[in-house]
Amino acid sequence: MQPATDVMPRRRLFAFIAMAVGMFMAILDIQIVSSSLSEIQAGLAAGASEISWVQTSYLIAEVVMIPLSGFLSRALSTRYLFAIAAGGFTVTSALCATATSIDQMMVYRALQGFIGGAMIPSVFAAAFTIFPPQRRGSISAVVGLIATMAPTIGPTVGGYLTNLFSWHWLFLINVIPGIAVTAAAYFLIDFDKPDLKLLRKFDYIGLVTLAAFLGGLEYVLEEGPQYDWFQDETVRNLAIVSAVGCVMFFWRAFTAEEPVVDLRTFRDRNFATGSLFSFIVGVGLYGLVYLYPVFLARVRGYDSLQIGETMFVTGMFQMITAPFAGMLGQRFDARWIVGFGMGLFGISCLELVPITKDWAFVELFIPQAMRGVALMLAMVPISMLALGTLPPQLIKDASGLFNLTRNLGGAVGLALITTLLNDRTDLHIARLHEAVNWGRQAAVEQLQTMTQAFTPSLGSDSQLAAIKMMTQTAHRESLVMAFSDVFLVLAFVFMAMVLVVPFIRKPVPRGAPAGGGSH
């Protein structure tokens, strides 16, 4: 890449904006389907156990491409890789809208995730190679806002599109912007030159082992909770595939002449600790984007549009905080901004521990606002600490690994949260069933009161209806208590990360980088 200077050429600025739009689309598409899965299921005549693959196939394919993108960017150049990724993402988005069966949708979504996944790390790499150091705070804020806000507002956007039009528009919305991004990438990006000689050394064994390792791991984490983990044969077999792939991948990474993923960046203490923080941010980002809709749907009975409107608070506060996060990261010690962000994240979860079945928009406003501020105060300085001081030739590979840790954090977090939520719900149900039995005077009196209330309308069936209602109430309260337990665990995780902050080395910014050429 060309040396970054104080004056930013307008052409490069427009190129970067186009890249940021492409990255936003790629990340948005992870969550945009989450609030509309029932409509897609009906449209494709898919089974209840199959519809989750609309999301899972995308995630598995994307998580393989993200670390691979560093090598491909060095070999093909940012210009060609991004243009191919944006063009392929656009075509596969259109194909998703034409799908008539769940099998077609799975294939198209996997292709969409794999091709589009290359756009995400490319934007992070460009942010730290084409901009002068004094601008990196504001640029990091923009990139961090996109990376954290896209999944946050995904359910909102998906809910509106499905309610106004149909589920097909979840994918058709990408076509016009996708064409514009593809053209802009091809004609405006001039950051670096291709090094096609690298393709002759391409490590195909490394690619296969990477796909087995990360693809298998993503499947196990996505599907494990609902199939009782290793009790399911497919989950068990893919866990073995992932473990073997992991060993083989690391062997190739340290022995191949040109490994598909360069792991040398983990020798840098700031990158290693920054990646750990990125992993935990992924847990909070994707975990809470999952938890809020589940609570609002299963406890409050909200539809996708109401869920989206309630959750928009976090996105609004992310937008408000973004300009300040970049400025604070530049002016003050970024380590303490990260610590404050993580602490605030923990407090936002503690605020949710007293949750009851009656909590709605007003009660959830403050915790959501705090989460929006915390996400930006944590994410922006973390990217500056992890990528801002690396030598230019390592940034492309490092960007892929940094983004991979956030996605893996989301996958691990979702798996653990789902398992914990299910286990604690079962535990609380068992405890409530012990409390609500014929031997408890209060339970008997409550049952009699409810039976009397139902008698005028149901007659002889009134006691059965009362028992059914008491059972439903017990299940709902068990679920609410389980949510409280999960929020307490998440609060502990984020608070614990504050203790890791002193292990980050105070960054000493390098001069303007010479770009991301080959090694």
Protein backbone atom coordinates (compact mmCIF):
# COMPACT_ATOMS: atom_id res chain seq x y z
CA MET A 1 0.00 0.00 0.00
CA GLN A 2 1.00 3.59 -0.50
CA PRO A 3 2.23 5.48 2.57
CA ALA A 4 -0.56 7.18 4.51
CA THR A 5 -0.27 10.97 4.59
CA ASP A 6 -1.98 13.77 6.51
CA VAL A 7 -4.04 14.64 3.42
CA MET A 8 -6.50 11.90 2.52
CA PRO A 9 -7.22 11.67 -1.25
CA ARG A 10 -10.95 12.02 -1.89
CA ARG A 11 -10.91 8.92 -4.09
CA ARG A 12 -9.66 6.77 -1.20
CA LEU A 13 -12.21 8.26 1.16
CA PHE A 14 -15.06 7.34 -1.20
CA ALA A 15 -13.54 3.89 -1.69
CA PHE A 16 -13.45 3.35 2.07
CA ILE A 17 -17.06 4.52 2.47
CA ALA A 18 -18.12 1.99 -0.19
CA MET A 19 -16.19 -0.74 1.63
CA ALA A 20 -17.87 0.21 4.91
CA VAL A 21 -21.30 -0.14 3.27
CA GLY A 22 -20.31 -3.61 2.02
CA MET A 23 -19.15 -4.63 5.50
CA PHE A 24 -22.40 -3.33 7.01
CA MET A 25 -24.44 -5.51 4.62
CA ALA A 26 -22.34 -8.60 5.36
CA ILE A 27 -22.67 -8.24 9.15
CA LEU A 28 -26.34 -7.17 9.01
CA ASP A 29 -27.22 -10.36 7.11
CA ILE A 30 -26.15 -12.52 10.08
CA GLN A 31 -29.07 -11.25 12.18
CA ILE A 32 -31.53 -9.78 9.65
CA VAL A 33 -33.29 -13.16 9.30
CA SER A 34 -33.50 -13.87 13.05
CA SER A 35 -36.84 -12.12 13.64
CA SER A 36 -38.43 -13.53 10.45
CA LEU A 37 -37.52 -17.22 10.62
CA SER A 38 -41.16 -18.29 11.08
CA GLU A 39 -42.18 -16.45 7.87
CA ILE A 40 -39.25 -17.96 5.94
CA GLN A 41 -40.15 -21.39 7.36
CA ALA A 42 -43.72 -21.05 6.07
CA GLY A 43 -42.53 -19.76 2.68
CA LEU A 44 -40.11 -22.65 2.17
CA ALA A 45 -42.33 -25.31 3.79
CA ALA A 46 -39.38 -26.16 6.05
CA GLY A 47 -39.47 -28.20 9.24
CA ALA A 48 -38.93 -26.64 12.67
CA SER A 49 -35.52 -28.35 13.00
CA GLU A 50 -34.42 -27.24 9.52
CA ILE A 51 -35.15 -23.51 9.59
CA SER A 52 -32.23 -22.66 11.90
CA TRP A 53 -29.95 -23.55 8.97
CA VAL A 54 -30.92 -20.25 7.31
CA GLN A 55 -28.64 -18.68 9.93
CA THR A 56 -26.27 -21.57 10.68
CA SER A 57 -25.15 -22.17 7.07
CA TYR A 58 -24.28 -18.47 6.70
CA LEU A 59 -22.30 -18.39 9.95
CA ILE A 60 -20.34 -21.58 9.25
CA ALA A 61 -19.27 -20.39 5.78
CA GLU A 62 -18.47 -16.84 6.95
CA VAL A 63 -16.32 -17.99 9.87
CA VAL A 64 -14.10 -19.96 7.41
CA MET A 65 -13.62 -17.04 5.02
CA ILE A 66 -12.82 -14.36 7.63
CA PRO A 67 -9.34 -15.69 8.58
CA LEU A 68 -8.66 -16.78 4.97
CA SER A 69 -9.28 -13.25 3.68
CA GLY A 70 -5.86 -12.00 4.81
CA PHE A 71 -3.99 -14.37 2.48
CA LEU A 72 -6.42 -13.74 -0.40
CA SER A 73 -6.10 -9.96 0.03
CA ARG A 74 -2.31 -10.17 -0.18
CA ALA A 75 -2.51 -12.43 -3.24
CA LEU A 76 -5.32 -10.72 -5.19
CA SER A 77 -5.11 -7.17 -3.70
CA THR A 78 -7.83 -5.41 -1.76
CA ARG A 79 -9.37 -4.08 -4.98
CA TYR A 80 -10.01 -7.41 -6.67
CA LEU A 81 -10.88 -9.37 -3.53
CA PHE A 82 -13.40 -6.77 -2.37
CA ALA A 83 -14.98 -6.38 -5.81
CA ILE A 84 -15.34 -10.19 -6.13
CA ALA A 85 -16.72 -10.44 -2.57
CA ALA A 86 -19.23 -7.59 -3.04
CA GLY A 87 -20.33 -8.87 -6.46
CA GLY A 88 -20.67 -12.46 -5.23
CA PHE A 89 -22.56 -11.31 -2.14
CA THR A 90 -25.00 -9.38 -4.34
CA VAL A 91 -25.64 -12.32 -6.68
CA THR A 92 -26.11 -14.81 -3.85
CA SER A 93 -28.45 -12.37 -2.04
CA ALA A 94 -30.66 -12.34 -5.15
CA LEU A 95 -30.49 -16.14 -5.28
CA CYS A 96 -31.62 -16.38 -1.62
CA ALA A 97 -34.74 -14.40 -2.55
CA THR A 98 -35.54 -16.93 -5.31
CA ALA A 99 -35.13 -20.01 -3.09
CA THR A 100 -38.16 -22.33 -3.11
CA SER A 101 -36.87 -25.01 -0.71
CA ILE A 102 -34.81 -25.14 2.46
CA ASP A 103 -32.04 -27.04 0.62
CA GLN A 104 -31.67 -24.25 -1.95
CA MET A 105 -31.70 -21.63 0.80
CA MET A 106 -28.96 -23.45 2.75
CA VAL A 107 -26.68 -23.58 -0.31
CA TYR A 108 -27.31 -19.93 -1.27
CA ARG A 109 -26.85 -18.71 2.31
CA ALA A 110 -23.59 -20.66 2.68
CA LEU A 111 -22.27 -19.09 -0.56
CA GLN A 112 -23.47 -15.66 0.59
CA GLY A 113 -21.70 -16.02 3.94
CA PHE A 114 -18.47 -17.40 2.45
CA ILE A 115 -18.10 -14.80 -0.30
CA GLY A 116 -19.35 -11.86 1.77
CA GLY A 117 -17.14 -12.78 4.73
CA ALA A 118 -14.10 -11.37 2.91
CA MET A 119 -15.48 -7.83 3.12
CA ILE A 120 -15.42 -7.58 6.93
CA PRO A 121 -11.66 -7.94 7.67
CA SER A 122 -10.76 -5.91 4.54
CA VAL A 123 -12.40 -2.82 6.04
CA PHE A 124 -10.58 -3.20 9.38
CA ALA A 125 -7.26 -3.65 7.52
CA ALA A 126 -7.88 -0.59 5.34
CA ALA A 127 -8.75 1.53 8.40
CA PHE A 128 -5.29 0.92 9.85
CA THR A 129 -3.25 1.14 6.64
CA ILE A 130 -4.61 3.96 4.46
CA PHE A 131 -5.44 6.56 7.12
CA PRO A 132 -2.87 8.68 9.00
CA PRO A 133 -2.45 7.87 12.71
CA GLN A 134 -4.23 11.02 13.88
CA ARG A 135 -7.39 9.97 12.03
CA ARG A 136 -7.50 6.40 13.28
CA GLY A 137 -9.58 7.20 16.34
CA SER A 138 -12.50 8.57 14.30
CA ILE A 139 -12.14 5.87 11.62
CA SER A 140 -12.02 3.14 14.30
CA ALA A 141 -15.24 4.61 15.72
CA VAL A 142 -16.95 4.32 12.33
CA VAL A 143 -15.75 0.74 11.80
CA GLY A 144 -16.58 -0.24 15.39
CA LEU A 145 -20.05 1.29 15.07
CA ILE A 146 -20.74 -0.75 11.93
CA ALA A 147 -19.38 -3.98 13.44
CA THR A 148 -21.49 -3.70 16.59
CA MET A 149 -24.57 -1.87 15.33
CA ALA A 150 -25.31 -4.06 12.29
CA PRO A 151 -26.15 -7.17 14.36
CA THR A 152 -27.96 -5.02 16.96
CA ILE A 153 -30.41 -3.50 14.46
CA GLY A 154 -30.61 -6.64 12.27
CA PRO A 155 -33.79 -7.96 13.95
CA THR A 156 -35.36 -4.46 13.73
CA VAL A 157 -34.66 -4.09 10.00
CA GLY A 158 -35.77 -7.68 9.34
CA GLY A 159 -39.01 -7.18 11.28
CA TYR A 160 -39.91 -4.02 9.35
CA LEU A 161 -39.12 -5.51 5.93
CA THR A 162 -41.08 -8.69 6.58
CA ASN A 163 -44.07 -6.78 7.98
CA LEU A 164 -44.13 -4.20 5.17
CA PHE A 165 -43.32 -6.47 2.22
CA SER A 166 -42.29 -10.14 2.55
CA TRP A 167 -39.30 -12.18 3.74
CA HIS A 168 -37.82 -12.07 0.21
CA TRP A 169 -36.92 -8.42 0.81
CA LEU A 170 -34.51 -9.46 3.58
CA PHE A 171 -32.22 -10.43 0.68
CA LEU A 172 -33.42 -8.20 -2.19
CA ILE A 173 -32.51 -5.12 -0.13
CA ASN A 174 -28.83 -5.98 -0.76
CA VAL A 175 -29.01 -5.92 -4.57
CA ILE A 176 -28.91 -2.18 -5.45
CA PRO A 177 -26.33 -1.21 -2.73
CA GLY A 178 -24.35 -4.36 -3.62
CA ILE A 179 -24.05 -3.33 -7.28
CA ALA A 180 -22.93 0.17 -6.24
CA VAL A 181 -20.34 -1.19 -3.77
CA THR A 182 -18.98 -3.64 -6.37
CA ALA A 183 -18.52 -0.86 -8.93
CA ALA A 184 -16.96 1.50 -6.39
CA ALA A 185 -14.56 -1.20 -5.18
CA TYR A 186 -13.39 -2.00 -8.71
CA PHE A 187 -12.94 1.59 -9.87
CA LEU A 188 -11.83 3.39 -6.69
CA ILE A 189 -9.72 1.04 -4.54
CA ASP A 190 -6.01 1.55 -5.22
CA PHE A 191 -4.49 0.74 -1.82
CA ASP A 192 -2.20 -2.10 -2.88
CA LYS A 193 -1.06 -4.39 -5.69
CA PRO A 194 -1.75 -8.10 -6.16
CA ASP A 195 1.00 -10.66 -5.55
CA LEU A 196 -0.26 -13.53 -7.70
CA LYS A 197 2.89 -15.58 -7.01
CA LEU A 198 1.42 -16.31 -3.57
CA LEU A 199 -1.34 -18.37 -5.22
CA ARG A 200 1.25 -20.89 -6.44
CA LYS A 201 2.12 -21.57 -2.80
CA PHE A 202 -1.51 -21.79 -1.70
CA ASP A 203 -1.85 -24.34 1.09
CA TYR A 204 -4.89 -26.42 0.08
CA ILE A 205 -4.38 -28.78 3.03
CA GLY A 206 -4.42 -25.74 5.31
CA LEU A 207 -7.71 -24.56 3.76
CA VAL A 208 -9.36 -27.98 4.22
CA THR A 209 -8.20 -28.27 7.83
CA LEU A 210 -9.28 -24.66 8.54
CA ALA A 211 -12.74 -25.42 7.13
CA ALA A 212 -12.99 -28.66 9.15
CA PHE A 213 -11.82 -26.94 12.35
CA LEU A 214 -13.94 -23.78 12.23
CA GLY A 215 -16.91 -25.19 10.28
CA GLY A 216 -17.23 -28.15 12.64
CA LEU A 217 -16.79 -25.93 15.71
CA GLU A 218 -19.45 -23.48 14.51
CA TYR A 219 -21.91 -26.35 13.88
CA VAL A 220 -21.29 -27.86 17.32
CA LEU A 221 -21.78 -24.48 19.02
CA GLU A 222 -24.89 -23.61 16.99
CA GLU A 223 -26.69 -26.96 17.13
CA GLY A 224 -25.30 -28.43 20.37
CA PRO A 225 -27.65 -26.72 22.83
CA GLN A 226 -30.86 -27.87 21.12
CA TYR A 227 -29.68 -31.47 20.63
CA ASP A 228 -28.27 -31.99 24.14
CA TRP A 229 -24.68 -31.70 22.91
CA PHE A 230 -22.84 -35.01 22.55
CA GLN A 231 -26.00 -37.07 22.96
CA ASP A 232 -26.58 -36.29 19.26
CA GLU A 233 -24.51 -38.36 16.82
CA THR A 234 -24.00 -35.56 14.26
CA VAL A 235 -22.85 -33.09 16.93
CA ARG A 236 -20.51 -35.72 18.38
CA ASN A 237 -19.02 -36.60 14.96
CA LEU A 238 -18.49 -32.98 13.96
CA ALA A 239 -16.84 -32.26 17.30
CA ILE A 240 -14.30 -34.99 16.43
CA VAL A 241 -13.88 -33.54 12.90
CA SER A 242 -13.30 -30.10 14.41
CA ALA A 243 -10.76 -31.42 16.94
CA VAL A 244 -8.77 -33.28 14.27
CA GLY A 245 -9.03 -30.26 11.94
CA CYS A 246 -7.76 -28.02 14.74
CA VAL A 247 -4.62 -30.11 15.29
CA MET A 248 -3.93 -30.38 11.54
CA PHE A 249 -4.58 -26.68 10.96
CA PHE A 250 -2.09 -25.56 13.62
CA TRP A 251 0.46 -28.03 12.29
CA ARG A 252 0.11 -26.56 8.78
CA ALA A 253 0.10 -22.99 10.12
CA PHE A 254 3.59 -23.50 11.60
CA THR A 255 5.09 -25.71 8.87
CA ALA A 256 3.69 -24.57 5.48
CA GLU A 257 5.80 -22.22 3.37
CA GLU A 258 2.87 -19.79 2.99
CA PRO A 259 0.13 -20.73 5.51
CA VAL A 260 -3.46 -19.73 4.74
CA VAL A 261 -3.55 -17.93 8.11
CA ASP A 262 -0.48 -16.24 9.57
CA LEU A 263 -0.58 -16.75 13.35
CA ARG A 264 2.59 -14.74 14.07
CA THR A 265 0.47 -11.77 15.09
CA PHE A 266 -0.41 -13.54 18.37
CA ARG A 267 3.21 -13.02 19.47
CA ASP A 268 2.28 -9.36 19.93
CA ARG A 269 0.90 -9.06 23.47
CA ASN A 270 -1.48 -6.25 22.61
CA PHE A 271 -2.93 -8.14 19.67
CA ALA A 272 -3.34 -11.30 21.78
CA THR A 273 -5.06 -9.47 24.66
CA GLY A 274 -7.05 -7.33 22.21
CA SER A 275 -8.32 -10.50 20.55
CA LEU A 276 -9.37 -11.86 23.95
CA PHE A 277 -11.36 -8.68 24.59
CA SER A 278 -12.83 -8.93 21.07
CA PHE A 279 -13.93 -12.50 21.92
CA ILE A 280 -15.72 -11.28 25.08
CA VAL A 281 -17.31 -8.36 23.19
CA GLY A 282 -18.64 -11.00 20.77
CA VAL A 283 -20.18 -12.87 23.70
CA GLY A 284 -21.98 -9.72 24.85
CA LEU A 285 -22.86 -8.42 21.40
CA TYR A 286 -24.43 -11.57 19.94
CA GLY A 287 -25.52 -13.04 23.28
CA LEU A 288 -27.66 -10.07 24.28
CA VAL A 289 -29.00 -9.61 20.74
CA TYR A 290 -30.28 -13.18 21.22
CA LEU A 291 -31.50 -12.86 24.84
CA TYR A 292 -33.62 -9.72 24.50
CA PRO A 293 -35.83 -11.05 21.63
CA VAL A 294 -36.26 -14.42 23.40
CA PHE A 295 -37.45 -12.66 26.57
CA LEU A 296 -39.72 -10.27 24.70
CA ALA A 297 -41.24 -13.05 22.56
CA ARG A 298 -41.62 -15.84 25.11
CA VAL A 299 -42.43 -13.80 28.23
CA ARG A 300 -44.02 -10.61 26.86
CA GLY A 301 -45.53 -12.15 23.69
CA TYR A 302 -44.11 -9.46 21.38
CA ASP A 303 -44.06 -9.85 17.59
CA SER A 304 -40.95 -9.17 15.47
CA LEU A 305 -41.82 -5.51 14.91
CA GLN A 306 -42.37 -4.78 18.63
CA ILE A 307 -39.10 -6.57 19.46
CA GLY A 308 -37.23 -4.50 16.89
CA GLU A 309 -38.67 -1.23 18.19
CA THR A 310 -37.76 -2.13 21.79
CA MET A 311 -34.18 -3.13 20.88
CA PHE A 312 -33.50 -0.03 18.80
CA VAL A 313 -32.53 1.83 21.99
CA THR A 314 -29.11 0.12 22.01
CA GLY A 315 -28.44 1.08 18.40
CA MET A 316 -29.45 4.69 19.06
CA PHE A 317 -27.00 5.01 21.97
CA GLN A 318 -24.25 3.35 19.92
CA MET A 319 -24.66 6.08 17.29
CA ILE A 320 -24.61 8.81 19.96
CA THR A 321 -21.47 7.36 21.60
CA ALA A 322 -19.44 6.53 18.47
CA PRO A 323 -17.94 10.02 17.83
CA PHE A 324 -16.86 10.33 21.47
CA ALA A 325 -15.42 6.79 21.62
CA GLY A 326 -12.94 7.48 18.83
CA MET A 327 -11.93 10.85 20.32
CA LEU A 328 -11.46 9.40 23.82
CA GLY A 329 -9.40 6.51 22.42
CA GLN A 330 -7.05 9.01 20.72
CA ARG A 331 -6.72 11.49 23.61
CA PHE A 332 -6.53 9.19 26.62
CA ASP A 333 -4.95 5.85 27.48
CA ALA A 334 -7.08 3.46 25.40
CA ARG A 335 -6.59 0.70 27.99
CA TRP A 336 -8.66 2.52 30.61
CA ILE A 337 -11.40 3.36 28.11
CA VAL A 338 -11.65 -0.39 27.41
CA GLY A 339 -11.77 -1.10 31.15
CA PHE A 340 -14.53 1.46 31.66
CA GLY A 341 -16.49 0.03 28.71
CA MET A 342 -16.26 -3.53 30.06
CA GLY A 343 -17.24 -2.37 33.56
CA LEU A 344 -20.26 -0.52 32.17
CA PHE A 345 -21.20 -3.62 30.17
CA GLY A 346 -21.15 -5.60 33.42
CA ILE A 347 -23.29 -2.98 35.21
CA SER A 348 -25.84 -3.05 32.34
CA CYS A 349 -26.23 -6.80 32.93
CA LEU A 350 -26.48 -6.34 36.72
CA GLU A 351 -29.33 -3.88 36.08
CA LEU A 352 -31.22 -6.78 34.45
CA VAL A 353 -30.85 -9.23 37.36
CA PRO A 354 -34.09 -8.05 39.12
CA ILE A 355 -36.06 -8.66 35.86
CA THR A 356 -39.73 -9.70 36.14
CA LYS A 357 -42.43 -10.77 33.68
CA ASP A 358 -43.71 -7.18 33.57
CA TRP A 359 -40.50 -5.59 32.28
CA ALA A 360 -41.01 -3.88 28.92
CA PHE A 361 -39.65 -0.88 27.01
CA VAL A 362 -39.44 1.52 29.98
CA GLU A 363 -37.73 -0.95 32.38
CA LEU A 364 -35.33 -2.14 29.66
CA PHE A 365 -34.43 1.39 28.48
CA ILE A 366 -31.59 2.13 30.94
CA PRO A 367 -29.83 -1.29 30.62
CA GLN A 368 -30.08 -1.07 26.82
CA ALA A 369 -28.75 2.50 26.77
CA MET A 370 -25.83 1.49 29.00
CA ARG A 371 -25.11 -1.49 26.71
CA GLY A 372 -25.03 0.76 23.64
CA VAL A 373 -22.51 3.12 25.28
CA ALA A 374 -20.45 0.21 26.66
CA LEU A 375 -20.22 -1.55 23.28
CA MET A 376 -18.67 1.51 21.63
CA LEU A 377 -16.36 2.36 24.55
CA ALA A 378 -15.06 -1.22 24.51
CA MET A 379 -14.97 -2.05 20.78
CA VAL A 380 -13.31 1.09 19.40
CA PRO A 381 -10.24 1.24 21.71
CA ILE A 382 -9.86 -2.56 21.48
CA SER A 383 -9.41 -2.40 17.71
CA MET A 384 -6.95 0.48 18.13
CA LEU A 385 -4.93 -1.47 20.72
CA ALA A 386 -4.97 -4.75 18.78
CA LEU A 387 -4.32 -3.50 15.23
CA GLY A 388 -3.03 0.07 15.57
CA THR A 389 0.53 -0.80 16.58
CA LEU A 390 1.20 -3.86 14.37
CA PRO A 391 3.72 -3.69 11.52
CA PRO A 392 1.90 -3.01 8.22
CA GLN A 393 2.72 -6.38 6.62
CA LEU A 394 0.86 -8.23 9.39
CA ILE A 395 -2.31 -6.13 9.45
CA LYS A 396 -4.27 -8.01 6.77
CA ASP A 397 -3.89 -11.40 8.45
CA ALA A 398 -4.32 -9.81 11.88
CA SER A 399 -7.58 -8.17 10.81
CA GLY A 400 -9.00 -11.56 9.78
CA LEU A 401 -8.02 -13.14 13.09
CA PHE A 402 -9.32 -10.17 15.11
CA ASN A 403 -12.74 -10.39 13.44
CA LEU A 404 -12.73 -14.17 13.79
CA THR A 405 -12.35 -13.89 17.58
CA ARG A 406 -15.43 -11.65 17.76
CA ASN A 407 -17.51 -14.11 15.71
CA LEU A 408 -16.25 -17.10 17.71
CA GLY A 409 -17.03 -15.22 20.92
CA GLY A 410 -20.58 -14.80 19.64
CA ALA A 411 -20.87 -18.50 18.77
CA VAL A 412 -19.42 -19.71 22.08
CA GLY A 413 -21.48 -17.15 24.01
CA LEU A 414 -24.73 -18.15 22.31
CA ALA A 415 -24.09 -21.85 22.94
CA LEU A 416 -23.29 -21.32 26.63
CA ILE A 417 -26.16 -18.85 27.13
CA THR A 418 -28.69 -21.19 25.49
CA THR A 419 -27.48 -24.15 27.54
CA LEU A 420 -27.47 -22.14 30.78
CA LEU A 421 -30.94 -20.69 30.06
CA ASN A 422 -32.37 -24.18 29.41
CA ASP A 423 -30.70 -25.77 32.45
CA ARG A 424 -31.67 -23.00 34.87
CA THR A 425 -35.25 -22.97 33.54
CA ASP A 426 -35.53 -26.72 34.21
CA LEU A 427 -34.08 -26.25 37.70
CA HIS A 428 -36.48 -23.42 38.59
CA ILE A 429 -39.46 -25.38 37.19
CA ALA A 430 -38.56 -28.33 39.43
CA ARG A 431 -38.29 -26.03 42.46
CA LEU A 432 -41.60 -24.29 41.70
CA HIS A 433 -43.35 -27.63 41.20
CA GLU A 434 -42.19 -28.60 44.71
CA ALA A 435 -43.60 -25.33 46.07
CA VAL A 436 -46.89 -25.52 44.15
CA ASN A 437 -48.42 -28.83 45.30
CA TRP A 438 -51.50 -30.05 47.11
CA GLY A 439 -49.72 -29.89 50.44
CA ARG A 440 -49.22 -26.11 50.27
CA GLN A 441 -52.13 -24.11 51.68
CA ALA A 442 -51.28 -21.01 49.63
CA ALA A 443 -51.23 -23.04 46.40
CA VAL A 444 -54.57 -24.68 47.18
CA GLU A 445 -56.17 -21.31 47.99
CA GLN A 446 -54.81 -19.78 44.78
CA LEU A 447 -56.14 -22.73 42.76
CA GLN A 448 -59.58 -22.37 44.37
CA THR A 449 -59.67 -18.63 43.61
CA MET A 450 -58.74 -19.23 39.96
CA THR A 451 -61.26 -22.07 39.65
CA GLN A 452 -64.03 -19.80 40.94
CA ALA A 453 -63.00 -17.13 38.42
CA PHE A 454 -63.30 -19.64 35.53
CA THR A 455 -66.56 -21.28 36.76
CA PRO A 456 -69.07 -18.82 35.20
CA SER A 457 -67.64 -19.33 31.70
CA LEU A 458 -66.29 -22.92 31.81
CA GLY A 459 -68.44 -24.72 34.40
CA SER A 460 -67.14 -28.23 35.15
CA ASP A 461 -63.89 -27.57 33.21
CA SER A 462 -62.99 -24.63 35.43
CA GLN A 463 -60.58 -26.54 37.71
CA LEU A 464 -58.71 -28.01 34.71
CA ALA A 465 -58.35 -24.51 33.23
CA ALA A 466 -57.10 -23.19 36.59
CA ILE A 467 -54.49 -25.96 36.87
CA LYS A 468 -53.37 -25.27 33.30
CA MET A 469 -53.01 -21.56 34.03
CA MET A 470 -51.03 -22.22 37.23
CA THR A 471 -48.70 -24.54 35.28
CA GLN A 472 -48.16 -21.90 32.59
CA THR A 473 -47.50 -19.26 35.26
CA ALA A 474 -44.91 -21.54 36.93
CA HIS A 475 -43.16 -22.12 33.60
CA ARG A 476 -43.12 -18.40 32.79
CA GLU A 477 -41.72 -17.49 36.21
CA SER A 478 -39.08 -20.23 35.87
CA LEU A 479 -37.99 -18.75 32.54
CA VAL A 480 -37.81 -15.22 33.99
CA MET A 481 -35.66 -16.46 36.90
CA ALA A 482 -33.40 -18.25 34.41
CA PHE A 483 -32.95 -14.97 32.50
CA SER A 484 -31.94 -13.31 35.77
CA ASP A 485 -29.33 -16.05 36.36
CA VAL A 486 -27.89 -15.63 32.85
CA PHE A 487 -27.61 -11.85 33.23
CA LEU A 488 -25.78 -12.34 36.54
CA VAL A 489 -23.25 -14.71 34.91
CA LEU A 490 -22.68 -12.27 32.01
CA ALA A 491 -22.17 -9.42 34.49
CA PHE A 492 -19.48 -11.47 36.25
CA VAL A 493 -17.72 -12.24 32.92
CA PHE A 494 -17.56 -8.57 31.88
CA MET A 495 -16.50 -7.38 35.34
CA ALA A 496 -13.73 -10.01 35.36
CA MET A 497 -12.36 -8.61 32.07
CA VAL A 498 -11.67 -5.29 33.82
CA LEU A 499 -9.00 -7.16 35.80
CA VAL A 500 -7.25 -8.13 32.52
CA VAL A 501 -6.79 -4.48 31.44
CA PRO A 502 -3.44 -3.99 33.30
CA PHE A 503 -1.95 -6.83 31.21
CA ILE A 504 -2.34 -4.76 28.03
CA ARG A 505 0.90 -2.98 27.20
CA LYS A 506 0.58 0.79 26.84
CA PRO A 507 0.64 1.26 23.06
CA VAL A 508 3.41 3.20 21.35
CA PRO A 509 1.97 4.16 17.94
CA ARG A 510 4.14 3.44 14.94
CA GLY A 511 4.65 5.97 12.23
CA ALA A 512 2.39 6.12 9.22
CA PRO A 513 2.37 2.59 7.84
CA ALA A 514 3.74 1.67 4.51
CA GLY A 515 0.79 -0.55 3.69
CA GLY A 516 -0.16 -4.17 3.69
CA GLY A 517 2.03 -5.73 1.06
CA SER A 518 3.21 -9.30 1.06
CA HIS A 519 5.58 -10.71 3.64
